Amino acid sequence: MKIAFDVKGTLDGPKGHIILSVLLHLQKMGHECIVWSNSYGYARDFVEKHELKDVRAESKGDKWNTDEKNFYDFAIEDDKSQTYLAAKQFIFVNEIETAGWILKKMGLK
């Protein structure tokens, strides 16, 4: 799967430690993980600060793609108004309980 992780309010929010642990776990499972933000600089800085290997930083501005074959399978996001972004399904931060809850929501263990 391809999963996008938002920065502001998500990876660097109150549940950021849970979400970052999920990103690392999914990556170990072989999934493609992307860190994105409205500002490419926030995404790049987060990837560098946490020394994330094989994680691409992207700007959300590049992801208004209407071709569903290019959509991410999931996006983990804090802003419910951004459902126009190129993701098939969204997991919103306010719903997250545990890392296991996120994996279950994705159909994984």
Protein backbone atom coordinates (compact mmCIF):
# COMPACT_ATOMS: atom_id res chain seq x y z
CA MET A 1 0.00 0.00 0.00
CA LYS A 2 0.89 3.67 -0.34
CA ILE A 3 0.20 5.73 2.76
CA ALA A 4 0.55 9.50 3.21
CA PHE A 5 1.16 11.00 6.65
CA ASP A 6 0.44 14.67 7.35
CA VAL A 7 2.90 16.68 9.49
CA LYS A 8 1.24 19.61 11.29
CA GLY A 9 -1.26 18.32 13.84
CA THR A 10 -0.66 14.71 12.83
CA LEU A 11 2.95 13.48 13.02
CA ASP A 12 3.88 16.46 15.19
CA GLY A 13 0.57 16.53 17.07
CA PRO A 14 -0.49 15.05 20.43
CA LYS A 15 -0.77 11.55 18.93
CA GLY A 16 2.40 11.92 16.86
CA HIS A 17 4.32 9.22 18.73
CA ILE A 18 1.59 6.69 17.90
CA ILE A 19 1.41 7.76 14.27
CA LEU A 20 5.20 7.76 13.79
CA SER A 21 5.39 4.24 15.25
CA VAL A 22 2.76 3.14 12.71
CA LEU A 23 4.71 4.76 9.86
CA LEU A 24 7.87 2.88 10.88
CA HIS A 25 5.95 -0.39 11.32
CA LEU A 26 4.25 -0.08 7.92
CA GLN A 27 7.56 0.70 6.31
CA LYS A 28 9.12 -2.45 7.82
CA MET A 29 6.17 -4.39 6.37
CA GLY A 30 7.13 -3.10 2.91
CA HIS A 31 4.52 -0.39 2.45
CA GLU A 32 5.41 2.92 0.81
CA CYS A 33 5.16 5.76 3.33
CA ILE A 34 5.15 9.43 2.35
CA VAL A 35 5.27 12.47 4.62
CA TRP A 36 3.31 15.37 3.16
CA SER A 37 2.29 18.83 4.19
CA ASN A 38 0.81 21.96 2.69
CA SER A 39 4.38 23.23 2.96
CA TYR A 40 7.00 20.98 1.39
CA GLY A 41 9.49 22.44 3.89
CA TYR A 42 7.55 21.05 6.88
CA ALA A 43 7.52 17.59 5.32
CA ARG A 44 11.22 17.70 4.41
CA ASP A 45 12.19 19.01 7.85
CA PHE A 46 10.22 16.26 9.60
CA VAL A 47 11.84 13.53 7.48
CA GLU A 48 15.30 14.96 8.15
CA LYS A 49 14.74 15.58 11.88
CA HIS A 50 13.60 12.01 12.45
CA GLU A 51 16.20 10.57 10.04
CA LEU A 52 13.53 8.62 8.17
CA LYS A 53 15.06 6.41 5.52
CA ASP A 54 13.23 5.72 2.26
CA VAL A 55 10.44 8.14 3.19
CA ARG A 56 9.69 10.79 0.61
CA ALA A 57 8.63 14.31 1.57
CA GLU A 58 5.93 15.86 -0.60
CA SER A 59 3.76 18.93 -0.85
CA LYS A 60 0.02 18.30 -0.69
CA GLY A 61 -0.31 20.88 -3.44
CA ASP A 62 1.03 18.27 -5.85
CA LYS A 63 -1.68 15.79 -4.86
CA TRP A 64 -4.89 17.22 -6.24
CA ASN A 65 -4.78 14.49 -8.83
CA THR A 66 -8.18 13.36 -10.05
CA ASP A 67 -6.91 10.10 -11.54
CA GLU A 68 -7.71 7.52 -8.88
CA LYS A 69 -4.99 5.12 -10.06
CA ASN A 70 -2.49 7.63 -8.61
CA PHE A 71 -4.25 8.01 -5.24
CA TYR A 72 -2.68 6.90 -1.98
CA ASP A 73 -4.45 3.98 -0.38
CA PHE A 74 -4.69 5.86 2.92
CA ALA A 75 -3.89 9.32 4.24
CA ILE A 76 -3.53 10.00 7.94
CA GLU A 77 -4.69 13.55 8.46
CA ASP A 78 -5.90 15.94 11.16
CA ASP A 79 -7.87 18.28 8.89
CA LYS A 80 -11.22 16.85 7.83
CA SER A 81 -11.64 19.59 5.23
CA GLN A 82 -8.83 18.12 3.12
CA THR A 83 -10.72 15.13 1.74
CA TYR A 84 -10.11 16.54 -1.77
CA LEU A 85 -6.55 15.20 -1.54
CA ALA A 86 -5.54 12.17 -3.58
CA ALA A 87 -6.29 9.39 -1.12
CA LYS A 88 -8.80 6.57 -1.38
CA GLN A 89 -9.44 6.53 2.38
CA PHE A 90 -8.68 8.89 5.25
CA ILE A 91 -7.89 8.16 8.87
CA PHE A 92 -8.43 11.24 10.99
CA VAL A 93 -6.29 11.92 14.04
CA ASN A 94 -9.24 12.62 16.35
CA GLU A 95 -10.48 9.04 15.75
CA ILE A 96 -7.14 7.33 16.49
CA GLU A 97 -7.02 5.32 19.69
CA THR A 98 -3.88 3.18 19.38
CA ALA A 99 -1.35 2.01 16.80
CA GLY A 100 -3.25 -1.27 16.60
CA TRP A 101 -6.46 0.62 15.87
CA ILE A 102 -4.82 2.29 12.84
CA LEU A 103 -3.52 -1.03 11.51
CA LYS A 104 -6.94 -2.64 11.99
CA LYS A 105 -8.60 0.27 10.15
CA MET A 106 -6.20 -0.46 7.26
CA GLY A 107 -7.06 -4.16 7.34
CA LEU A 108 -3.64 -5.10 8.76
CA LYS A 109 -2.31 -6.51 12.01
